[in-house]
PDB file of N, CA and C in Angstrom:
ATOM      1  N   UNK A   1      -6.413 216.045 -51.889  1.00  0.00           N
ATOM      2  CA  UNK A   1      -5.709 217.017 -52.679  1.00  0.00           C
ATOM      3  C   UNK A   1      -5.244 218.140 -51.783  1.00  0.00           C
ATOM      4  N   UNK A   2      -3.963 218.440 -51.843  1.00  0.00           N
ATOM      5  CA  UNK A   2      -3.441 219.531 -51.029  1.00  0.00           C
ATOM      6  C   UNK A   2      -2.407 220.332 -51.802  1.00  0.00           C
ATOM      7  N   UNK A   3      -2.413 221.611 -51.548  1.00  0.00           N
ATOM      8  CA  UNK A   3      -1.379 222.509 -52.051  1.00  0.00           C
ATOM      9  C   UNK A   3      -0.985 223.399 -50.882  1.00  0.00           C
ATOM     10  N   UNK A   4      -0.436 224.553 -51.176  1.00  0.00           N
ATOM     11  CA  UNK A   4      -0.032 225.447 -50.093  1.00  0.00           C
ATOM     12  C   UNK A   4      -1.146 226.409 -49.676  1.00  0.00           C
ATOM     13  N   UNK A   5      -2.338 226.305 -50.274  1.00  0.00           N
ATOM     14  CA  UNK A   5      -3.425 227.227 -49.964  1.00  0.00           C
ATOM     15  C   UNK A   5      -4.755 226.486 -49.877  1.00  0.00           C
ATOM     16  N   UNK A   6      -5.414 226.547 -48.716  1.00  0.00           N
ATOM     17  CA  UNK A   6      -6.713 225.888 -48.545  1.00  0.00           C
ATOM     18  C   UNK A   6      -7.752 226.409 -49.527  1.00  0.00           C
ATOM     19  N   UNK A   7      -7.729 227.703 -49.772  1.00  0.00           N
ATOM     20  CA  UNK A   7      -8.707 228.312 -50.691  1.00  0.00           C
ATOM     21  C   UNK A   7      -8.545 227.748 -52.107  1.00  0.00           C
ATOM     22  N   UNK A   8      -7.298 227.605 -52.563  1.00  0.00           N
ATOM     23  CA  UNK A   8      -7.034 227.027 -53.882  1.00  0.00           C
ATOM     24  C   UNK A   8      -7.500 225.574 -53.924  1.00  0.00           C
ATOM     25  N   UNK A   9      -7.209 224.825 -52.866  1.00  0.00           N
ATOM     26  CA  UNK A   9      -7.618 223.421 -52.807  1.00  0.00           C
ATOM     27  C   UNK A   9      -9.135 223.294 -52.931  1.00  0.00           C
ATOM     28  N   UNK A  10      -9.852 224.141 -52.223  1.00  0.00           N
ATOM     29  CA  UNK A  10     -11.316 224.119 -52.286  1.00  0.00           C
ATOM     30  C   UNK A  10     -11.826 224.429 -53.683  1.00  0.00           C
ATOM     31  N   UNK A  11     -11.226 225.407 -54.347  1.00  0.00           N
ATOM     32  CA  UNK A  11     -11.622 225.759 -55.711  1.00  0.00           C
ATOM     33  C   UNK A  11     -11.428 224.571 -56.652  1.00  0.00           C
ATOM     34  N   UNK A  12     -10.257 223.936 -56.563  1.00  0.00           N
ATOM     35  CA  UNK A  12      -9.966 222.812 -57.450  1.00  0.00           C
ATOM     36  C   UNK A  12     -10.899 221.639 -57.149  1.00  0.00           C
ATOM     37  N   UNK A  13     -11.160 221.366 -55.882  1.00  0.00           N
ATOM     38  CA  UNK A  13     -12.083 220.273 -55.535  1.00  0.00           C
ATOM     39  C   UNK A  13     -13.465 220.522 -56.127  1.00  0.00           C
ATOM     40  N   UNK A  14     -13.973 221.742 -55.965  1.00  0.00           N
ATOM     41  CA  UNK A  14     -15.329 222.063 -56.446  1.00  0.00           C
ATOM     42  C   UNK A  14     -15.403 222.185 -57.961  1.00  0.00           C
ATOM     43  N   UNK A  15     -14.481 222.916 -58.570  1.00  0.00           N
ATOM     44  CA  UNK A  15     -14.627 223.305 -59.975  1.00  0.00           C
ATOM     45  C   UNK A  15     -13.872 222.426 -60.972  1.00  0.00           C
ATOM     46  N   UNK A  16     -12.797 221.795 -60.561  1.00  0.00           N
ATOM     47  CA  UNK A  16     -12.035 220.955 -61.486  1.00  0.00           C
ATOM     48  C   UNK A  16     -12.334 219.479 -61.255  1.00  0.00           C
ATOM     49  N   UNK A  17     -12.191 219.045 -60.008  1.00  0.00           N
ATOM     50  CA  UNK A  17     -12.429 217.642 -59.698  1.00  0.00           C
ATOM     51  C   UNK A  17     -13.917 217.313 -59.534  1.00  0.00           C
ATOM     52  N   UNK A  18     -14.731 218.322 -59.264  1.00  0.00           N
ATOM     53  CA  UNK A  18     -16.178 218.134 -59.053  1.00  0.00           C
ATOM     54  C   UNK A  18     -16.449 217.038 -58.030  1.00  0.00           C
ATOM     55  N   UNK A  19     -15.821 217.146 -56.872  1.00  0.00           N
ATOM     56  CA  UNK A  19     -15.950 216.104 -55.865  1.00  0.00           C
ATOM     57  C   UNK A  19     -17.364 215.959 -55.322  1.00  0.00           C
ATOM     58  N   UNK A  20     -18.199 216.965 -55.472  1.00  0.00           N
ATOM     59  CA  UNK A  20     -19.597 216.831 -55.070  1.00  0.00           C
ATOM     60  C   UNK A  20     -20.335 215.813 -55.934  1.00  0.00           C
ATOM     61  N   UNK A  21     -20.007 215.770 -57.220  1.00  0.00           N
ATOM     62  CA  UNK A  21     -20.621 214.807 -58.145  1.00  0.00           C
ATOM     63  C   UNK A  21     -19.844 213.501 -58.220  1.00  0.00           C
ATOM     64  N   UNK A  22     -18.528 213.576 -58.060  1.00  0.00           N
ATOM     65  CA  UNK A  22     -17.647 212.409 -58.203  1.00  0.00           C
ATOM     66  C   UNK A  22     -16.739 212.318 -56.973  1.00  0.00           C
ATOM     67  N   UNK A  23     -17.289 211.856 -55.840  1.00  0.00           N
ATOM     68  CA  UNK A  23     -16.501 211.895 -54.596  1.00  0.00           C
ATOM     69  C   UNK A  23     -15.385 210.863 -54.507  1.00  0.00           C
ATOM     70  N   UNK A  24     -15.386 209.860 -55.392  1.00  0.00           N
ATOM     71  CA  UNK A  24     -14.391 208.802 -55.286  1.00  0.00           C
ATOM     72  C   UNK A  24     -13.584 208.655 -56.565  1.00  0.00           C
ATOM     73  N   UNK A  25     -12.337 208.248 -56.393  1.00  0.00           N
ATOM     74  CA  UNK A  25     -11.500 207.783 -57.496  1.00  0.00           C
ATOM     75  C   UNK A  25     -11.241 206.311 -57.200  1.00  0.00           C
ATOM     76  N   UNK A  26     -11.444 205.464 -58.213  1.00  0.00           N
ATOM     77  CA  UNK A  26     -11.311 204.016 -58.014  1.00  0.00           C
ATOM     78  C   UNK A  26     -10.295 203.469 -59.007  1.00  0.00           C
ATOM     79  N   UNK A  27      -9.327 202.707 -58.486  1.00  0.00           N
ATOM     80  CA  UNK A  27      -8.337 202.061 -59.331  1.00  0.00           C
ATOM     81  C   UNK A  27      -8.500 200.554 -59.217  1.00  0.00           C
ATOM     82  N   UNK A  28      -8.611 199.884 -60.372  1.00  0.00           N
ATOM     83  CA  UNK A  28      -8.725 198.429 -60.418  1.00  0.00           C
ATOM     84  C   UNK A  28      -7.502 197.890 -61.159  1.00  0.00           C
ATOM     85  N   UNK A  29      -6.551 197.280 -60.426  1.00  0.00           N
ATOM     86  CA  UNK A  29      -5.339 196.776 -61.082  1.00  0.00           C
ATOM     87  C   UNK A  29      -5.635 195.568 -61.965  1.00  0.00           C
ATOM     88  N   UNK A  30      -4.923 195.499 -63.106  1.00  0.00           N
ATOM     89  CA  UNK A  30      -5.013 194.356 -64.022  1.00  0.00           C
ATOM     90  C   UNK A  30      -3.745 193.514 -63.984  1.00  0.00           C
ATOM     91  N   UNK A  31      -2.612 194.172 -63.798  1.00  0.00           N
ATOM     92  CA  UNK A  31      -1.337 193.452 -63.760  1.00  0.00           C
ATOM     93  C   UNK A  31      -0.324 194.247 -62.943  1.00  0.00           C
ATOM     94  N   UNK A  32       0.706 193.544 -62.484  1.00  0.00           N
ATOM     95  CA  UNK A  32       1.757 194.175 -61.680  1.00  0.00           C
ATOM     96  C   UNK A  32       3.129 193.738 -62.206  1.00  0.00           C
ATOM     97  N   UNK A  33       3.522 194.284 -63.374  1.00  0.00           N
ATOM     98  CA  UNK A  33       4.814 193.906 -63.936  1.00  0.00           C
ATOM     99  C   UNK A  33       5.965 194.269 -63.000  1.00  0.00           C
ATOM    100  N   UNK A  34       6.887 193.308 -62.864  1.00  0.00           N
ATOM    101  CA  UNK A  34       8.066 193.534 -62.039  1.00  0.00           C
ATOM    102  C   UNK A  34       7.913 193.105 -60.597  1.00  0.00           C
ATOM    103  N   UNK A  35       6.690 192.768 -60.163  1.00  0.00           N
ATOM    104  CA  UNK A  35       6.496 192.319 -58.788  1.00  0.00           C
ATOM    105  C   UNK A  35       6.938 190.862 -58.686  1.00  0.00           C
ATOM    106  N   UNK A  36       7.926 190.571 -57.835  1.00  0.00           N
ATOM    107  CA  UNK A  36       8.411 189.191 -57.748  1.00  0.00           C
ATOM    108  C   UNK A  36       7.354 188.264 -57.135  1.00  0.00           C
ATOM    109  N   UNK A  37       7.382 187.008 -57.596  1.00  0.00           N
ATOM    110  CA  UNK A  37       6.498 185.999 -57.025  1.00  0.00           C
ATOM    111  C   UNK A  37       7.294 184.730 -56.822  1.00  0.00           C
ATOM    112  N   UNK A  38       7.262 184.141 -55.663  1.00  0.00           N
ATOM    113  CA  UNK A  38       6.460 184.548 -54.510  1.00  0.00           C
ATOM    114  C   UNK A  38       6.958 185.874 -53.935  1.00  0.00           C
ATOM    115  N   UNK A  39       6.080 186.538 -53.183  1.00  0.00           N
ATOM    116  CA  UNK A  39       6.446 187.821 -52.591  1.00  0.00           C
ATOM    117  C   UNK A  39       7.607 187.657 -51.627  1.00  0.00           C
ATOM    118  N   UNK A  40       8.551 188.598 -51.658  1.00  0.00           N
ATOM    119  CA  UNK A  40       9.661 188.518 -50.708  1.00  0.00           C
ATOM    120  C   UNK A  40       9.171 188.756 -49.276  1.00  0.00           C
ATOM    121  N   UNK A  41       9.933 188.287 -48.317  1.00  0.00           N
ATOM    122  CA  UNK A  41       9.607 188.539 -46.913  1.00  0.00           C
ATOM    123  C   UNK A  41      10.486 189.632 -46.323  1.00  0.00           C
ATOM    124  N   UNK A  42      11.543 190.009 -47.038  1.00  0.00           N
ATOM    125  CA  UNK A  42      12.447 191.062 -46.583  1.00  0.00           C
ATOM    126  C   UNK A  42      12.932 191.861 -47.796  1.00  0.00           C
ATOM    127  N   UNK A  43      13.289 193.119 -47.564  1.00  0.00           N
ATOM    128  CA  UNK A  43      13.920 193.923 -48.599  1.00  0.00           C
ATOM    129  C   UNK A  43      12.968 194.854 -49.327  1.00  0.00           C
ATOM    130  N   UNK A  44      13.535 195.577 -50.279  1.00  0.00           N
ATOM    131  CA  UNK A  44      12.790 196.573 -51.046  1.00  0.00           C
ATOM    132  C   UNK A  44      12.759 196.171 -52.516  1.00  0.00           C
ATOM    133  N   UNK A  45      11.668 196.479 -53.183  1.00  0.00           N
ATOM    134  CA  UNK A  45      11.562 196.201 -54.610  1.00  0.00           C
ATOM    135  C   UNK A  45      10.723 197.286 -55.273  1.00  0.00           C
ATOM    136  N   UNK A  46      10.909 197.447 -56.568  1.00  0.00           N
ATOM    137  CA  UNK A  46      10.107 198.387 -57.342  1.00  0.00           C
ATOM    138  C   UNK A  46       9.377 197.606 -58.421  1.00  0.00           C
ATOM    139  N   UNK A  47       8.180 198.056 -58.750  1.00  0.00           N
ATOM    140  CA  UNK A  47       7.366 197.432 -59.781  1.00  0.00           C
ATOM    141  C   UNK A  47       6.308 198.426 -60.228  1.00  0.00           C
ATOM    142  N   UNK A  48       5.471 198.030 -61.141  1.00  0.00           N
ATOM    143  CA  UNK A  48       4.380 198.891 -61.607  1.00  0.00           C
ATOM    144  C   UNK A  48       3.040 198.212 -61.353  1.00  0.00           C
ATOM    145  N   UNK A  49       2.003 199.029 -61.199  1.00  0.00           N
ATOM    146  CA  UNK A  49       0.624 198.544 -61.186  1.00  0.00           C
ATOM    147  C   UNK A  49      -0.054 199.150 -62.401  1.00  0.00           C
ATOM    148  N   UNK A  50      -0.621 198.309 -63.238  1.00  0.00           N
ATOM    149  CA  UNK A  50      -1.302 198.745 -64.448  1.00  0.00           C
ATOM    150  C   UNK A  50      -2.764 198.382 -64.300  1.00  0.00           C
ATOM    151  N   UNK A  51      -3.647 199.333 -64.579  1.00  0.00           N
ATOM    152  CA  UNK A  51      -5.066 199.027 -64.439  1.00  0.00           C
ATOM    153  C   UNK A  51      -5.947 200.146 -64.936  1.00  0.00           C
ATOM    154  N   UNK A  52      -7.204 200.088 -64.518  1.00  0.00           N
ATOM    155  CA  UNK A  52      -8.216 201.065 -64.920  1.00  0.00           C
ATOM    156  C   UNK A  52      -8.541 201.974 -63.751  1.00  0.00           C
ATOM    157  N   UNK A  53      -8.451 203.275 -63.994  1.00  0.00           N
ATOM    158  CA  UNK A  53      -8.780 204.284 -62.996  1.00  0.00           C
ATOM    159  C   UNK A  53     -10.061 204.970 -63.425  1.00  0.00           C
ATOM    160  N   UNK A  54     -11.001 205.084 -62.506  1.00  0.00           N
ATOM    161  CA  UNK A  54     -12.209 205.860 -62.753  1.00  0.00           C
ATOM    162  C   UNK A  54     -12.159 207.083 -61.857  1.00  0.00           C
ATOM    163  N   UNK A  55     -12.194 208.241 -62.503  1.00  0.00           N
ATOM    164  CA  UNK A  55     -12.130 209.513 -61.794  1.00  0.00           C
ATOM    165  C   UNK A  55     -12.954 210.517 -62.581  1.00  0.00           C
ATOM    166  N   UNK A  56     -13.709 211.338 -61.869  1.00  0.00           N
ATOM    167  CA  UNK A  56     -14.475 212.389 -62.524  1.00  0.00           C
ATOM    168  C   UNK A  56     -15.455 211.795 -63.543  1.00  0.00           C
ATOM    169  N   UNK A  57     -15.908 210.553 -63.301  1.00  0.00           N
ATOM    170  CA  UNK A  57     -16.866 209.903 -64.183  1.00  0.00           C
ATOM    171  C   UNK A  57     -16.275 209.305 -65.448  1.00  0.00           C
ATOM    172  N   UNK A  58     -14.951 209.281 -65.566  1.00  0.00           N
ATOM    173  CA  UNK A  58     -14.271 208.768 -66.760  1.00  0.00           C
ATOM    174  C   UNK A  58     -13.331 207.636 -66.338  1.00  0.00           C
ATOM    175  N   UNK A  59     -13.343 206.544 -67.103  1.00  0.00           N
ATOM    176  CA  UNK A  59     -12.422 205.433 -66.846  1.00  0.00           C
ATOM    177  C   UNK A  59     -11.346 205.416 -67.926  1.00  0.00           C
ATOM    178  N   UNK A  60     -10.092 205.304 -67.498  1.00  0.00           N
ATOM    179  CA  UNK A  60      -8.959 205.273 -68.415  1.00  0.00           C
ATOM    180  C   UNK A  60      -7.865 204.404 -67.813  1.00  0.00           C
ATOM    181  N   UNK A  61      -6.989 203.886 -68.672  1.00  0.00           N
ATOM    182  CA  UNK A  61      -5.872 203.086 -68.178  1.00  0.00           C
ATOM    183  C   UNK A  61      -4.864 203.996 -67.478  1.00  0.00           C
ATOM    184  N   UNK A  62      -4.191 203.434 -66.470  1.00  0.00           N
ATOM    185  CA  UNK A  62      -3.238 204.214 -65.698  1.00  0.00           C
ATOM    186  C   UNK A  62      -2.142 203.285 -65.181  1.00  0.00           C
ATOM    187  N   UNK A  63      -0.921 203.803 -65.135  1.00  0.00           N
ATOM    188  CA  UNK A  63       0.228 203.054 -64.626  1.00  0.00           C
ATOM    189  C   UNK A  63       0.765 203.767 -63.390  1.00  0.00           C
ATOM    190  N   UNK A  64       0.922 203.017 -62.316  1.00  0.00           N
ATOM    191  CA  UNK A  64       1.508 203.524 -61.074  1.00  0.00           C
ATOM    192  C   UNK A  64       2.909 202.936 -60.924  1.00  0.00           C
ATOM    193  N   UNK A  65       3.879 203.740 -60.504  1.00  0.00           N
ATOM    194  CA  UNK A  65       5.213 203.267 -60.152  1.00  0.00           C
ATOM    195  C   UNK A  65       5.228 203.056 -58.644  1.00  0.00           C
ATOM    196  N   UNK A  66       5.631 201.861 -58.236  1.00  0.00           N
ATOM    197  CA  UNK A  66       5.540 201.472 -56.823  1.00  0.00           C
ATOM    198  C   UNK A  66       6.922 201.111 -56.288  1.00  0.00           C
ATOM    199  N   UNK A  67       7.220 201.597 -55.093  1.00  0.00           N
ATOM    200  CA  UNK A  67       8.374 201.155 -54.320  1.00  0.00           C
ATOM    201  C   UNK A  67       7.816 200.560 -53.031  1.00  0.00           C
ATOM    202  N   UNK A  68       8.155 199.301 -52.762  1.00  0.00           N
ATOM    203  CA  UNK A  68       7.610 198.613 -51.589  1.00  0.00           C
ATOM    204  C   UNK A  68       8.737 198.004 -50.768  1.00  0.00           C
ATOM    205  N   UNK A  69       8.565 198.042 -49.446  1.00  0.00           N
ATOM    206  CA  UNK A  69       9.498 197.427 -48.512  1.00  0.00           C
ATOM    207  C   UNK A  69       8.775 196.295 -47.798  1.00  0.00           C
ATOM    208  N   UNK A  70       9.378 195.123 -47.855  1.00  0.00           N
ATOM    209  CA  UNK A  70       8.815 193.926 -47.245  1.00  0.00           C
ATOM    210  C   UNK A  70       9.551 193.646 -45.942  1.00  0.00           C
ATOM    211  N   UNK A  71       8.796 193.444 -44.869  1.00  0.00           N
ATOM    212  CA  UNK A  71       9.383 193.145 -43.559  1.00  0.00           C
ATOM    213  C   UNK A  71       8.464 192.169 -42.832  1.00  0.00           C
ATOM    214  N   UNK A  72       8.692 190.892 -43.037  1.00  0.00           N
ATOM    215  CA  UNK A  72       7.851 189.879 -42.408  1.00  0.00           C
ATOM    216  C   UNK A  72       6.426 189.938 -42.928  1.00  0.00           C
ATOM    217  N   UNK A  73       5.474 190.191 -42.029  1.00  0.00           N
ATOM    218  CA  UNK A  73       4.052 190.242 -42.390  1.00  0.00           C
ATOM    219  C   UNK A  73       3.591 191.643 -42.800  1.00  0.00           C
ATOM    220  N   UNK A  74       4.520 192.582 -42.970  1.00  0.00           N
ATOM    221  CA  UNK A  74       4.158 193.970 -43.278  1.00  0.00           C
ATOM    222  C   UNK A  74       4.808 194.415 -44.581  1.00  0.00           C
ATOM    223  N   UNK A  75       4.030 195.131 -45.378  1.00  0.00           N
ATOM    224  CA  UNK A  75       4.535 195.745 -46.611  1.00  0.00           C
ATOM    225  C   UNK A  75       4.200 197.231 -46.530  1.00  0.00           C
ATOM    226  N   UNK A  76       5.196 198.079 -46.684  1.00  0.00           N
ATOM    227  CA  UNK A  76       4.977 199.525 -46.706  1.00  0.00           C
ATOM    228  C   UNK A  76       5.554 200.075 -47.999  1.00  0.00           C
ATOM    229  N   UNK A  77       5.075 201.227 -48.404  1.00  0.00           N
ATOM    230  CA  UNK A  77       5.642 201.803 -49.611  1.00  0.00           C
ATOM    231  C   UNK A  77       4.882 202.996 -50.120  1.00  0.00           C
ATOM    232  N   UNK A  78       5.186 203.317 -51.379  1.00  0.00           N
ATOM    233  CA  UNK A  78       4.613 204.487 -52.031  1.00  0.00           C
ATOM    234  C   UNK A  78       4.350 204.156 -53.496  1.00  0.00           C
ATOM    235  N   UNK A  79       3.195 204.599 -53.978  1.00  0.00           N
ATOM    236  CA  UNK A  79       2.838 204.456 -55.388  1.00  0.00           C
ATOM    237  C   UNK A  79       2.597 205.853 -55.946  1.00  0.00           C
ATOM    238  N   UNK A  80       3.148 206.135 -57.146  1.00  0.00           N
ATOM    239  CA  UNK A  80       2.988 207.455 -57.758  1.00  0.00           C
ATOM    240  C   UNK A  80       2.588 207.317 -59.217  1.00  0.00           C
ATOM    241  N   UNK A  81       1.868 208.312 -59.697  1.00  0.00           N
ATOM    242  CA  UNK A  81       1.495 208.383 -61.108  1.00  0.00           C
ATOM    243  C   UNK A  81       1.259 209.843 -61.466  1.00  0.00           C
ATOM    244  N   UNK A  82       1.234 210.139 -62.739  1.00  0.00           N
ATOM    245  CA  UNK A  82       0.874 211.491 -63.192  1.00  0.00           C
ATOM    246  C   UNK A  82       0.247 211.404 -64.569  1.00  0.00           C
ATOM    247  N   UNK A  83      -0.607 212.399 -64.872  1.00  0.00           N
ATOM    248  CA  UNK A  83      -1.344 212.412 -66.131  1.00  0.00           C
ATOM    249  C   UNK A  83      -1.887 213.815 -66.374  1.00  0.00           C
ATOM    250  N   UNK A  84      -2.228 214.146 -67.623  1.00  0.00           N
ATOM    251  CA  UNK A  84      -2.814 215.460 -67.911  1.00  0.00           C
ATOM    252  C   UNK A  84      -4.273 215.518 -67.452  1.00  0.00           C
ATOM    253  N   UNK A  85      -4.767 216.708 -67.200  1.00  0.00           N
ATOM    254  CA  UNK A  85      -6.136 216.912 -66.737  1.00  0.00           C
ATOM    255  C   UNK A  85      -7.159 216.266 -67.676  1.00  0.00           C
ATOM    256  N   UNK A  86      -6.959 216.394 -68.985  1.00  0.00           N
ATOM    257  CA  UNK A  86      -7.977 215.923 -69.926  1.00  0.00           C
ATOM    258  C   UNK A  86      -8.072 214.404 -70.023  1.00  0.00           C
ATOM    259  N   UNK A  87      -7.128 213.662 -69.447  1.00  0.00           N
ATOM    260  CA  UNK A  87      -7.194 212.197 -69.473  1.00  0.00           C
ATOM    261  C   UNK A  87      -8.487 211.708 -68.814  1.00  0.00           C
ATOM    262  N   UNK A  88      -8.975 212.459 -67.842  1.00  0.00           N
ATOM    263  CA  UNK A  88     -10.203 212.101 -67.142  1.00  0.00           C
ATOM    264  C   UNK A  88     -11.290 213.171 -67.327  1.00  0.00           C
ATOM    265  N   UNK A  89     -11.243 213.866 -68.462  1.00  0.00           N
ATOM    266  CA  UNK A  89     -12.304 214.810 -68.805  1.00  0.00           C
ATOM    267  C   UNK A  89     -12.339 216.072 -67.971  1.00  0.00           C
ATOM    268  N   UNK A  90     -11.220 216.443 -67.361  1.00  0.00           N
ATOM    269  CA  UNK A  90     -11.167 217.651 -66.537  1.00  0.00           C
ATOM    270  C   UNK A  90     -10.466 218.765 -67.304  1.00  0.00           C
ATOM    271  N   UNK A  91     -10.827 219.978 -66.989  1.00  0.00           N
ATOM    272  CA  UNK A  91     -10.216 221.148 -67.599  1.00  0.00           C
ATOM    273  C   UNK A  91      -9.194 221.724 -66.625  1.00  0.00           C
ATOM    274  N   UNK A  92      -8.040 222.052 -67.142  1.00  0.00           N
ATOM    275  CA  UNK A  92      -6.996 222.656 -66.303  1.00  0.00           C
ATOM    276  C   UNK A  92      -7.517 223.952 -65.708  1.00  0.00           C
ATOM    277  N   UNK A  93      -7.349 224.140 -64.385  1.00  0.00           N
ATOM    278  CA  UNK A  93      -7.862 225.357 -63.742  1.00  0.00           C
ATOM    279  C   UNK A  93      -7.231 226.618 -64.327  1.00  0.00           C
ATOM    280  N   UNK A  94      -8.073 227.613 -64.513  1.00  0.00           N
ATOM    281  CA  UNK A  94      -7.608 228.921 -64.967  1.00  0.00           C
ATOM    282  C   UNK A  94      -8.265 229.961 -64.055  1.00  0.00           C
ATOM    283  N   UNK A  95      -7.455 230.483 -63.153  1.00  0.00           N
ATOM    284  CA  UNK A  95      -7.940 231.446 -62.174  1.00  0.00           C
ATOM    285  C   UNK A  95      -7.059 232.678 -62.261  1.00  0.00           C
ATOM    286  N   UNK A  96      -7.685 233.820 -62.220  1.00  0.00           N
ATOM    287  CA  UNK A  96      -6.964 235.077 -62.355  1.00  0.00           C
ATOM    288  C   UNK A  96      -5.817 235.209 -61.354  1.00  0.00           C
ATOM    289  N   UNK A  97      -6.000 234.711 -60.148  1.00  0.00           N
ATOM    290  CA  UNK A  97      -4.980 234.857 -59.112  1.00  0.00           C
ATOM    291  C   UNK A  97      -3.854 233.831 -59.217  1.00  0.00           C
ATOM    292  N   UNK A  98      -4.030 232.840 -60.065  1.00  0.00           N
ATOM    293  CA  UNK A  98      -2.994 231.819 -60.236  1.00  0.00           C
ATOM    294  C   UNK A  98      -2.280 232.094 -61.551  1.00  0.00           C
ATOM    295  N   UNK A  99      -0.966 232.299 -61.499  1.00  0.00           N
ATOM    296  CA  UNK A  99      -0.231 232.631 -62.710  1.00  0.00           C
ATOM    297  C   UNK A  99      -0.236 231.492 -63.714  1.00  0.00           C
ATOM    298  N   UNK A 100      -0.003 230.256 -63.260  1.00  0.00           N
ATOM    299  CA  UNK A 100      -0.026 229.124 -64.171  1.00  0.00           C
ATOM    300  C   UNK A 100      -0.245 227.836 -63.400  1.00  0.00           C
ATOM    301  N   UNK A 101      -0.824 226.882 -64.079  1.00  0.00           N
ATOM    302  CA  UNK A 101      -1.027 225.553 -63.532  1.00  0.00           C
ATOM    303  C   UNK A 101      -0.507 224.574 -64.571  1.00  0.00           C
ATOM    304  N   UNK A 102       0.398 223.689 -64.155  1.00  0.00           N
ATOM    305  CA  UNK A 102       0.903 222.691 -65.087  1.00  0.00           C
ATOM    306  C   UNK A 102      -0.237 221.788 -65.531  1.00  0.00           C
ATOM    307  N   UNK A 103      -0.143 221.293 -66.758  1.00  0.00           N
ATOM    308  CA  UNK A 103      -1.175 220.399 -67.269  1.00  0.00           C
ATOM    309  C   UNK A 103      -0.855 218.960 -66.882  1.00  0.00           C
ATOM    310  N   UNK A 104      -0.693 218.752 -65.572  1.00  0.00           N
ATOM    311  CA  UNK A 104      -0.514 217.390 -65.115  1.00  0.00           C
ATOM    312  C   UNK A 104      -0.937 217.298 -63.653  1.00  0.00           C
ATOM    313  N   UNK A 105      -1.552 216.194 -63.374  1.00  0.00           N
ATOM    314  CA  UNK A 105      -1.948 215.868 -62.008  1.00  0.00           C
ATOM    315  C   UNK A 105      -0.993 214.792 -61.525  1.00  0.00           C
ATOM    316  N   UNK A 106      -0.451 214.978 -60.348  1.00  0.00           N
ATOM    317  CA  UNK A 106       0.429 213.980 -59.741  1.00  0.00           C
ATOM    318  C   UNK A 106      -0.278 213.398 -58.523  1.00  0.00           C
ATOM    319  N   UNK A 107      -0.347 212.077 -58.480  1.00  0.00           N
ATOM    320  CA  UNK A 107      -0.955 211.398 -57.339  1.00  0.00           C
ATOM    321  C   UNK A 107       0.105 210.575 -56.619  1.00  0.00           C
ATOM    322  N   UNK A 108      -0.004 210.538 -55.288  1.00  0.00           N
ATOM    323  CA  UNK A 108       0.897 209.727 -54.475  1.00  0.00           C
ATOM    324  C   UNK A 108       0.074 209.046 -53.389  1.00  0.00           C
ATOM    325  N   UNK A 109       0.300 207.757 -53.250  1.00  0.00           N
ATOM    326  CA  UNK A 109      -0.350 206.987 -52.190  1.00  0.00           C
ATOM    327  C   UNK A 109       0.743 206.370 -51.334  1.00  0.00           C
ATOM    328  N   UNK A 110       0.699 206.642 -50.033  1.00  0.00           N
ATOM    329  CA  UNK A 110       1.565 205.967 -49.075  1.00  0.00           C
ATOM    330  C   UNK A 110       0.741 204.830 -48.486  1.00  0.00           C
ATOM    331  N   UNK A 111       1.291 203.619 -48.465  1.00  0.00           N
ATOM    332  CA  UNK A 111       0.493 202.485 -47.996  1.00  0.00           C
ATOM    333  C   UNK A 111       1.236 201.638 -46.971  1.00  0.00           C
ATOM    334  N   UNK A 112       0.431 200.912 -46.197  1.00  0.00           N
ATOM    335  CA  UNK A 112       0.932 199.944 -45.223  1.00  0.00           C
ATOM    336  C   UNK A 112      -0.038 198.776 -45.241  1.00  0.00           C
ATOM    337  N   UNK A 113       0.455 197.601 -45.544  1.00  0.00           N
ATOM    338  CA  UNK A 113      -0.354 196.383 -45.581  1.00  0.00           C
ATOM    339  C   UNK A 113       0.175 195.422 -44.523  1.00  0.00           C
ATOM    340  N   UNK A 114      -0.735 194.858 -43.747  1.00  0.00           N
ATOM    341  CA  UNK A 114      -0.353 193.925 -42.708  1.00  0.00           C
ATOM    342  C   UNK A 114      -1.148 192.646 -42.898  1.00  0.00           C
ATOM    343  N   UNK A 115      -0.430 191.513 -42.920  1.00  0.00           N
ATOM    344  CA  UNK A 115      -1.107 190.214 -43.099  1.00  0.00           C
ATOM    345  C   UNK A 115      -1.704 189.725 -41.804  1.00  0.00           C
TER     346      UNK A 115
END
C-alpha cells in the first residue's frame, strides 16, 4: 500500500488494514471469463479473473480486470480491482489531518509469468 505520505501509509496499515493481525491477502480464482484457450503465444488480450479474496479476516467474491501480453514463453500484464472498505470488514479511515478518503480501495498487480 502506498500513497504520497509514508506516515499516512503506516496509519492505514496499522489501523485500517490491521496488517499485524492479517499480514496477507489471498485471492483464489474460480474462473477467467474472456481468457482465450488455448492461450495465445503472441499479442495482447483482456479478460477477467473471478474468485474469492480473503483480506482482513473476511472472504468475499472479487472480480479483477486483466490486460495481458503474450510473447512466446512469457506473459506480462496488469490486474486491477476496486471495492468499498466494508466489503472486507474495514472501516474507512477518518483522521483529522485528512480532509476526505474515498470509500473505495483500488488494487493493482503488475505480473510477469515465465514458462
